[in-house]
C-alpha atoms as a PDB file:
ATOM      1  CA  MET A   1     -13.381  24.561 -20.910  1.00  0.00           C
ATOM      2  CA  ARG A   2     -16.346  26.145 -19.170  1.00  0.00           C
ATOM      3  CA  ASN A   3     -18.359  22.990 -19.717  1.00  0.00           C
ATOM      4  CA  VAL A   4     -15.700  20.717 -18.096  1.00  0.00           C
ATOM      5  CA  TYR A   5     -15.704  19.417 -14.542  1.00  0.00           C
ATOM      6  CA  TRP A   6     -12.554  17.681 -13.276  1.00  0.00           C
ATOM      7  CA  ILE A   7     -12.242  14.869 -10.667  1.00  0.00           C
ATOM      8  CA  GLY A   8      -8.667  13.965  -9.920  1.00  0.00           C
ATOM      9  CA  GLY A   9      -7.050  12.121  -7.065  1.00  0.00           C
ATOM     10  CA  GLY A  10      -5.209   9.054  -5.919  1.00  0.00           C
ATOM     11  CA  SER A  11      -5.902   5.547  -7.113  1.00  0.00           C
ATOM     12  CA  GLY A  12      -8.793   3.764  -5.448  1.00  0.00           C
ATOM     13  CA  ALA A  13     -10.499   6.949  -4.236  1.00  0.00           C
ATOM     14  CA  GLY A  14     -13.801   6.298  -6.134  1.00  0.00           C
ATOM     15  CA  LYS A  15     -13.238   8.857  -8.895  1.00  0.00           C
ATOM     16  CA  SER A  16     -14.946   6.681 -11.499  1.00  0.00           C
ATOM     17  CA  THR A  17     -17.921   5.914  -9.360  1.00  0.00           C
ATOM     18  CA  ILE A  18     -18.549   9.581  -8.455  1.00  0.00           C
ATOM     19  CA  ALA A  19     -18.097  10.724 -12.019  1.00  0.00           C
ATOM     20  CA  ARG A  20     -20.533   8.108 -13.317  1.00  0.00           C
ATOM     21  CA  ARG A  21     -23.174   8.981 -10.719  1.00  0.00           C
ATOM     22  CA  LEU A  22     -22.878  12.730 -11.525  1.00  0.00           C
ATOM     23  CA  ALA A  23     -23.100  12.030 -15.251  1.00  0.00           C
ATOM     24  CA  ASP A  24     -26.157   9.887 -14.758  1.00  0.00           C
ATOM     25  CA  ARG A  25     -27.834  12.492 -12.508  1.00  0.00           C
ATOM     26  CA  TYR A  26     -27.222  15.476 -14.721  1.00  0.00           C
ATOM     27  CA  GLY A  27     -27.128  13.945 -18.173  1.00  0.00           C
ATOM     28  CA  TRP A  28     -23.458  14.782 -18.626  1.00  0.00           C
ATOM     29  CA  ARG A  29     -20.841  13.042 -20.773  1.00  0.00           C
ATOM     30  CA  ARG A  30     -17.903  11.292 -19.200  1.00  0.00           C
ATOM     31  CA  TYR A  31     -14.265  11.337 -20.222  1.00  0.00           C
ATOM     32  CA  VAL A  32     -12.256   8.623 -18.468  1.00  0.00           C
ATOM     33  CA  THR A  33      -8.571   9.428 -18.736  1.00  0.00           C
ATOM     34  CA  ASP A  34      -7.573   5.801 -17.967  1.00  0.00           C
ATOM     35  CA  ASP A  35      -9.411   4.663 -21.069  1.00  0.00           C
ATOM     36  CA  ALA A  36      -7.362   7.078 -23.192  1.00  0.00           C
ATOM     37  CA  MET A  37      -3.974   5.978 -21.929  1.00  0.00           C
ATOM     38  CA  ALA A  38      -3.215   3.426 -24.670  1.00  0.00           C
ATOM     39  CA  ASP A  39      -4.294   5.849 -27.409  1.00  0.00           C
ATOM     40  CA  HIS A  40      -2.230   8.645 -25.924  1.00  0.00           C
ATOM     41  CA  ALA A  41       0.812   6.419 -25.635  1.00  0.00           C
ATOM     42  CA  ARG A  42       0.556   5.640 -29.373  1.00  0.00           C
ATOM     43  CA  ARG A  43       0.210   9.356 -30.154  1.00  0.00           C
ATOM     44  CA  THR A  44       3.446  10.359 -28.456  1.00  0.00           C
ATOM     45  CA  THR A  45       7.149  10.061 -29.425  1.00  0.00           C
ATOM     46  CA  ALA A  46      10.054   9.317 -27.216  1.00  0.00           C
ATOM     47  CA  GLU A  47      11.138  12.911 -27.471  1.00  0.00           C
ATOM     48  CA  GLU A  48       7.720  14.180 -26.387  1.00  0.00           C
ATOM     49  CA  ALA A  49       7.221  11.615 -23.561  1.00  0.00           C
ATOM     50  CA  PRO A  50      10.574  10.224 -22.485  1.00  0.00           C
ATOM     51  CA  PHE A  51       9.396   8.717 -19.237  1.00  0.00           C
ATOM     52  CA  LEU A  52       6.431   7.075 -20.919  1.00  0.00           C
ATOM     53  CA  HIS A  53       8.598   5.331 -23.540  1.00  0.00           C
ATOM     54  CA  ALA A  54      11.184   4.304 -21.001  1.00  0.00           C
ATOM     55  CA  PHE A  55       8.390   2.722 -18.943  1.00  0.00           C
ATOM     56  CA  MET A  56       7.053   0.943 -21.998  1.00  0.00           C
ATOM     57  CA  ALA A  57      10.466  -0.581 -22.671  1.00  0.00           C
ATOM     58  CA  MET A  58      10.663  -2.154 -19.147  1.00  0.00           C
ATOM     59  CA  ASP A  59       9.553  -5.569 -18.164  1.00  0.00           C
ATOM     60  CA  LEU A  60       7.196  -6.062 -15.171  1.00  0.00           C
ATOM     61  CA  ASP A  61       9.946  -6.597 -12.635  1.00  0.00           C
ATOM     62  CA  GLU A  62      11.795  -3.492 -13.806  1.00  0.00           C
ATOM     63  CA  ARG A  63       8.643  -1.475 -13.438  1.00  0.00           C
ATOM     64  CA  TRP A  64       7.311  -2.782 -10.073  1.00  0.00           C
ATOM     65  CA  VAL A  65       9.973  -4.830  -8.226  1.00  0.00           C
ATOM     66  CA  ASP A  66      13.488  -3.529  -8.921  1.00  0.00           C
ATOM     67  CA  ARG A  67      12.924   0.157  -8.259  1.00  0.00           C
ATOM     68  CA  SER A  68      12.147   1.958  -5.002  1.00  0.00           C
ATOM     69  CA  PRO A  69       8.701   3.510  -4.495  1.00  0.00           C
ATOM     70  CA  GLU A  70      10.388   6.946  -4.504  1.00  0.00           C
ATOM     71  CA  THR A  71      11.986   6.325  -7.897  1.00  0.00           C
ATOM     72  CA  MET A  72       8.736   4.911  -9.209  1.00  0.00           C
ATOM     73  CA  LEU A  73       6.948   8.103  -8.107  1.00  0.00           C
ATOM     74  CA  GLU A  74       9.445  10.413  -9.660  1.00  0.00           C
ATOM     75  CA  THR A  75       9.720   8.644 -12.984  1.00  0.00           C
ATOM     76  CA  PHE A  76       6.127   7.558 -13.593  1.00  0.00           C
ATOM     77  CA  HIS A  77       5.127   9.333 -16.789  1.00  0.00           C
ATOM     78  CA  TRP A  78       1.501  10.143 -15.969  1.00  0.00           C
ATOM     79  CA  PHE A  79       2.546  11.616 -12.614  1.00  0.00           C
ATOM     80  CA  ARG A  80       4.897  13.876 -14.581  1.00  0.00           C
ATOM     81  CA  GLY A  81       2.114  15.106 -16.736  1.00  0.00           C
ATOM     82  CA  GLU A  82       3.297  13.543 -20.002  1.00  0.00           C
ATOM     83  CA  ALA A  83       0.559  13.520 -22.626  1.00  0.00           C
ATOM     84  CA  PHE A  84      -1.715  15.668 -20.587  1.00  0.00           C
ATOM     85  CA  GLY A  85      -1.994  17.930 -23.583  1.00  0.00           C
ATOM     86  CA  LEU A  86      -3.703  15.121 -25.482  1.00  0.00           C
ATOM     87  CA  ILE A  87      -6.442  15.071 -22.830  1.00  0.00           C
ATOM     88  CA  VAL A  88      -6.968  18.772 -23.569  1.00  0.00           C
ATOM     89  CA  GLU A  89      -6.937  18.134 -27.346  1.00  0.00           C
ATOM     90  CA  ASP A  90      -9.598  15.415 -26.961  1.00  0.00           C
ATOM     91  CA  LEU A  91     -11.796  17.777 -24.886  1.00  0.00           C
ATOM     92  CA  ALA A  92     -11.359  20.651 -27.317  1.00  0.00           C
ATOM     93  CA  ARG A  93     -12.582  18.469 -30.210  1.00  0.00           C
ATOM     94  CA  ALA A  94     -15.634  17.224 -28.283  1.00  0.00           C
ATOM     95  CA  PRO A  95     -19.111  18.864 -28.456  1.00  0.00           C
ATOM     96  CA  ARG A  96     -19.467  21.697 -26.048  1.00  0.00           C
ATOM     97  CA  ASP A  97     -23.275  21.759 -25.776  1.00  0.00           C
ATOM     98  CA  THR A  98     -23.299  19.375 -22.813  1.00  0.00           C
ATOM     99  CA  PRO A  99     -21.092  19.459 -19.724  1.00  0.00           C
ATOM    100  CA  VAL A 100     -18.468  16.661 -19.381  1.00  0.00           C
ATOM    101  CA  VAL A 101     -16.950  15.241 -16.233  1.00  0.00           C
ATOM    102  CA  VAL A 102     -13.320  14.233 -16.630  1.00  0.00           C
ATOM    103  CA  GLU A 103     -11.834  11.818 -14.160  1.00  0.00           C
ATOM    104  CA  GLY A 104      -8.519  10.153 -13.467  1.00  0.00           C
ATOM    105  CA  PHE A 105      -5.267  10.275 -11.486  1.00  0.00           C
ATOM    106  CA  ARG A 106      -3.615  11.981 -14.539  1.00  0.00           C
ATOM    107  CA  LEU A 107      -5.346  15.239 -13.622  1.00  0.00           C
ATOM    108  CA  LEU A 108      -2.467  16.989 -11.764  1.00  0.00           C
ATOM    109  CA  PRO A 109      -3.589  20.175  -9.997  1.00  0.00           C
ATOM    110  CA  HIS A 110      -0.931  22.441 -11.497  1.00  0.00           C
ATOM    111  CA  LEU A 111      -1.937  21.339 -15.009  1.00  0.00           C
ATOM    112  CA  VAL A 112      -5.647  21.646 -14.434  1.00  0.00           C
ATOM    113  CA  LYS A 113      -5.693  24.968 -12.642  1.00  0.00           C
ATOM    114  CA  PRO A 114      -4.867  27.125 -15.734  1.00  0.00           C
ATOM    115  CA  LEU A 115      -7.864  25.604 -17.491  1.00  0.00           C
ATOM    116  CA  LEU A 116     -10.370  26.465 -14.735  1.00  0.00           C
ATOM    117  CA  THR A 117     -12.875  29.240 -15.167  1.00  0.00           C
ATOM    118  CA  GLU A 118     -13.366  28.930 -11.397  1.00  0.00           C
ATOM    119  CA  PRO A 119     -11.942  26.682  -8.685  1.00  0.00           C
ATOM    120  CA  GLY A 120     -15.327  25.062  -8.169  1.00  0.00           C
ATOM    121  CA  HIS A 121     -15.070  23.100 -11.435  1.00  0.00           C
ATOM    122  CA  ALA A 122     -12.418  20.736 -10.002  1.00  0.00           C
ATOM    123  CA  VAL A 123     -11.891  18.555  -6.953  1.00  0.00           C
ATOM    124  CA  TRP A 124      -9.335  15.933  -5.939  1.00  0.00           C
ATOM    125  CA  LEU A 125     -10.279  12.839  -3.956  1.00  0.00           C
ATOM    126  CA  LEU A 126      -7.557  11.748  -1.614  1.00  0.00           C
ATOM    127  CA  PRO A 127      -7.802   8.187  -0.280  1.00  0.00           C
ATOM    128  CA  THR A 128      -6.127   7.077   2.927  1.00  0.00           C
ATOM    129  CA  PRO A 129      -3.928   3.976   2.553  1.00  0.00           C
ATOM    130  CA  ASP A 130      -6.436   1.794   4.398  1.00  0.00           C
ATOM    131  CA  PHE A 131      -9.301   2.938   2.150  1.00  0.00           C
ATOM    132  CA  ARG A 132      -7.239   2.294  -0.941  1.00  0.00           C
ATOM    133  CA  HIS A 133      -6.328  -1.177   0.234  1.00  0.00           C
ATOM    134  CA  VAL A 134      -9.981  -2.094   0.874  1.00  0.00           C
ATOM    135  CA  ALA A 135     -11.000  -0.622  -2.453  1.00  0.00           C
ATOM    136  CA  PHE A 136      -8.517  -2.619  -4.453  1.00  0.00           C
ATOM    137  CA  ALA A 137      -9.239  -5.807  -2.549  1.00  0.00           C
ATOM    138  CA  SER A 138     -12.927  -5.447  -3.466  1.00  0.00           C
ATOM    139  CA  ARG A 139     -11.976  -5.080  -7.096  1.00  0.00           C
ATOM    140  CA  ALA A 140      -9.797  -8.219  -7.263  1.00  0.00           C
ATOM    141  CA  SER A 141     -10.338 -10.162 -10.517  1.00  0.00           C
ATOM    142  CA  PRO A 142     -10.248 -13.948 -10.758  1.00  0.00           C
ATOM    143  CA  GLY A 143      -6.981 -13.783 -12.640  1.00  0.00           C
ATOM    144  CA  GLY A 144      -5.388 -11.496 -10.059  1.00  0.00           C
ATOM    145  CA  ARG A 145      -3.699  -8.104 -10.391  1.00  0.00           C
ATOM    146  CA  PHE A 146      -0.827  -7.495 -12.774  1.00  0.00           C
ATOM    147  CA  THR A 147       1.581  -7.638  -9.838  1.00  0.00           C
ATOM    148  CA  GLN A 148       0.945 -11.378  -9.652  1.00  0.00           C
ATOM    149  CA  ARG A 149       2.828 -11.719 -12.909  1.00  0.00           C
ATOM    150  CA  THR A 150       6.007 -10.246 -11.446  1.00  0.00           C
ATOM    151  CA  GLY A 151       8.812 -12.270  -9.953  1.00  0.00           C
ATOM    152  CA  ASP A 152       7.985 -10.987  -6.450  1.00  0.00           C
ATOM    153  CA  PRO A 153       4.241 -10.096  -6.164  1.00  0.00           C
ATOM    154  CA  GLY A 154       4.529  -9.129  -2.472  1.00  0.00           C
ATOM    155  CA  ARG A 155       7.289  -6.666  -3.071  1.00  0.00           C
ATOM    156  CA  ALA A 156       5.579  -5.299  -6.164  1.00  0.00           C
ATOM    157  CA  GLU A 157       2.322  -4.757  -4.167  1.00  0.00           C
ATOM    158  CA  HIS A 158       4.318  -3.011  -1.360  1.00  0.00           C
ATOM    159  CA  ASN A 159       6.115  -0.761  -3.789  1.00  0.00           C
ATOM    160  CA  LEU A 160       2.966   0.166  -5.575  1.00  0.00           C
ATOM    161  CA  ALA A 161       1.113   0.940  -2.314  1.00  0.00           C
ATOM    162  CA  VAL A 162       3.905   3.127  -1.023  1.00  0.00           C
ATOM    163  CA  ARG A 163       4.244   4.936  -4.325  1.00  0.00           C
ATOM    164  CA  ASP A 164       0.518   5.668  -4.471  1.00  0.00           C
ATOM    165  CA  ALA A 165       0.516   6.913  -0.887  1.00  0.00           C
ATOM    166  CA  LEU A 166       3.383   9.286  -1.686  1.00  0.00           C
ATOM    167  CA  PHE A 167       1.450  10.455  -4.796  1.00  0.00           C
ATOM    168  CA  THR A 168      -1.628  11.165  -2.739  1.00  0.00           C
ATOM    169  CA  GLU A 169       0.321  13.193  -0.250  1.00  0.00           C
ATOM    170  CA  ARG A 170       1.838  15.139  -3.170  1.00  0.00           C
ATOM    171  CA  LEU A 171      -1.674  15.853  -4.430  1.00  0.00           C
ATOM    172  CA  ARG A 172      -2.703  17.025  -0.917  1.00  0.00           C
ATOM    173  CA  GLU A 173       0.220  19.384  -0.735  1.00  0.00           C
ATOM    174  CA  GLU A 174      -0.316  20.715  -4.308  1.00  0.00           C
ATOM    175  CA  THR A 175      -4.048  21.363  -3.937  1.00  0.00           C
ATOM    176  CA  THR A 176      -3.387  23.121  -0.617  1.00  0.00           C
ATOM    177  CA  ARG A 177      -0.668  25.293  -2.106  1.00  0.00           C
ATOM    178  CA  LEU A 178      -2.786  26.147  -5.200  1.00  0.00           C
ATOM    179  CA  GLY A 179      -5.989  26.735  -3.220  1.00  0.00           C
ATOM    180  CA  LEU A 180      -7.885  23.984  -4.992  1.00  0.00           C
ATOM    181  CA  PRO A 181     -10.583  21.803  -3.410  1.00  0.00           C
ATOM    182  CA  SER A 182      -9.809  18.258  -2.151  1.00  0.00           C
ATOM    183  CA  LEU A 183     -11.757  15.723  -0.119  1.00  0.00           C
ATOM    184  CA  THR A 184     -10.205  13.011   2.049  1.00  0.00           C
ATOM    185  CA  VAL A 185     -11.788   9.618   1.382  1.00  0.00           C
ATOM    186  CA  ASP A 186     -11.373   7.335   4.387  1.00  0.00           C
ATOM    187  CA  GLY A 187     -14.594   5.278   4.550  1.00  0.00           C
ATOM    188  CA  THR A 188     -16.246   7.401   7.249  1.00  0.00           C
ATOM    189  CA  ILE A 189     -18.810   8.701   4.757  1.00  0.00           C
ATOM    190  CA  THR A 190     -21.011   6.806   2.407  1.00  0.00           C
ATOM    191  CA  GLU A 191     -20.808   6.824  -1.393  1.00  0.00           C
ATOM    192  CA  ASP A 192     -24.060   8.898  -1.440  1.00  0.00           C
ATOM    193  CA  GLU A 193     -22.539  11.418   0.928  1.00  0.00           C
ATOM    194  CA  LEU A 194     -19.377  11.706  -1.194  1.00  0.00           C
ATOM    195  CA  VAL A 195     -21.483  12.317  -4.307  1.00  0.00           C
ATOM    196  CA  GLU A 196     -23.216  15.167  -2.459  1.00  0.00           C
ATOM    197  CA  ARG A 197     -19.951  16.644  -1.221  1.00  0.00           C
ATOM    198  CA  VAL A 198     -18.538  16.699  -4.732  1.00  0.00           C
ATOM    199  CA  SER A 199     -21.796  18.240  -5.982  1.00  0.00           C
ATOM    200  CA  GLU A 200     -21.394  20.968  -3.352  1.00  0.00           C
ATOM    201  CA  VAL A 201     -17.862  21.689  -4.546  1.00  0.00           C
ATOM    202  CA  PHE A 202     -19.160  21.920  -8.074  1.00  0.00           C
ATOM    203  CA  ARG A 203     -22.036  24.115  -6.882  1.00  0.00           C
ATOM    204  CA  LEU A 204     -24.574  22.002  -8.639  1.00  0.00           C
ATOM    205  CA  ARG A 205     -28.302  22.149  -8.347  1.00  0.00           C
ATOM    206  CA  HIS A 206     -29.733  18.727  -7.580  1.00  0.00           C
ATOM    207  CA  ALA A 207     -31.666  17.142 -10.467  1.00  0.00           C
ATOM    208  CA  GLU A 208     -33.626  13.912 -10.423  1.00  0.00           C
ATOM    209  CA  GLY A 209     -32.352  11.949 -13.394  1.00  0.00           C
ATOM    210  CA  PRO A 210     -30.677  13.199 -16.604  1.00  0.00           C
ATOM    211  CA  GLY A 211     -31.340  16.747 -17.539  1.00  0.00           C
ATOM    212  CA  PRO A 212     -29.704  20.024 -18.537  1.00  0.00           C
ATOM    213  CA  ALA A 213     -28.780  21.053 -15.034  1.00  0.00           C
ATOM    214  CA  ARG A 214     -25.490  22.953 -14.937  1.00  0.00           C
ATOM    215  CA  GLY A 215     -23.302  24.625 -12.331  1.00  0.00           C
ATOM    216  CA  PRO A 216     -22.466  28.319 -12.456  1.00  0.00           C
ATOM    217  CA  GLY A 217     -20.212  29.186 -15.338  1.00  0.00           C
ATOM    218  CA  SER A 218     -21.203  26.204 -17.450  1.00  0.00           C
END
């Protein structure tokens, strides 16, 4: 995994944007863990991923309205690391001649740390609740978010926001305990500045446009 750089963090923190800009700058490949979720769900059994399969059996109200945010946090399959091994399998099968930046909230610090050749190959972006709210408001699609299809959209949105805030705080505690880098994303710095801060964590040499630039240990 020497050619892998990891960007984890809470929802709405800008992980995809930062990963895309770094990939464009350095000529890297991208692995978006969100895009692999459906495939990974198909590749698991109920025995291997019990929380995932229980979630799949629920309707929208059972997922987002009827349960407390705390229960949602503790039982959400990706937050429990289910199918993380399939991410590793995908990366192990991919070409290793070019660095790859992996991004997504599924990258839990305690699962990523054993794969690191050095701490500087991973960072977690931790959005404040206000930043996350603004980020999701700006992404609103004409058809609305999936919460609009529940029986109580307001409660679903509240539950989801509280759950994600709890998850972000868990990431903050875990990265601190494990000595892994994290950056708070609160809107006080620009996107360009955040790109540079992540580049500093990765110890990257700046390159204008795609090229073979790599960080130490690549």
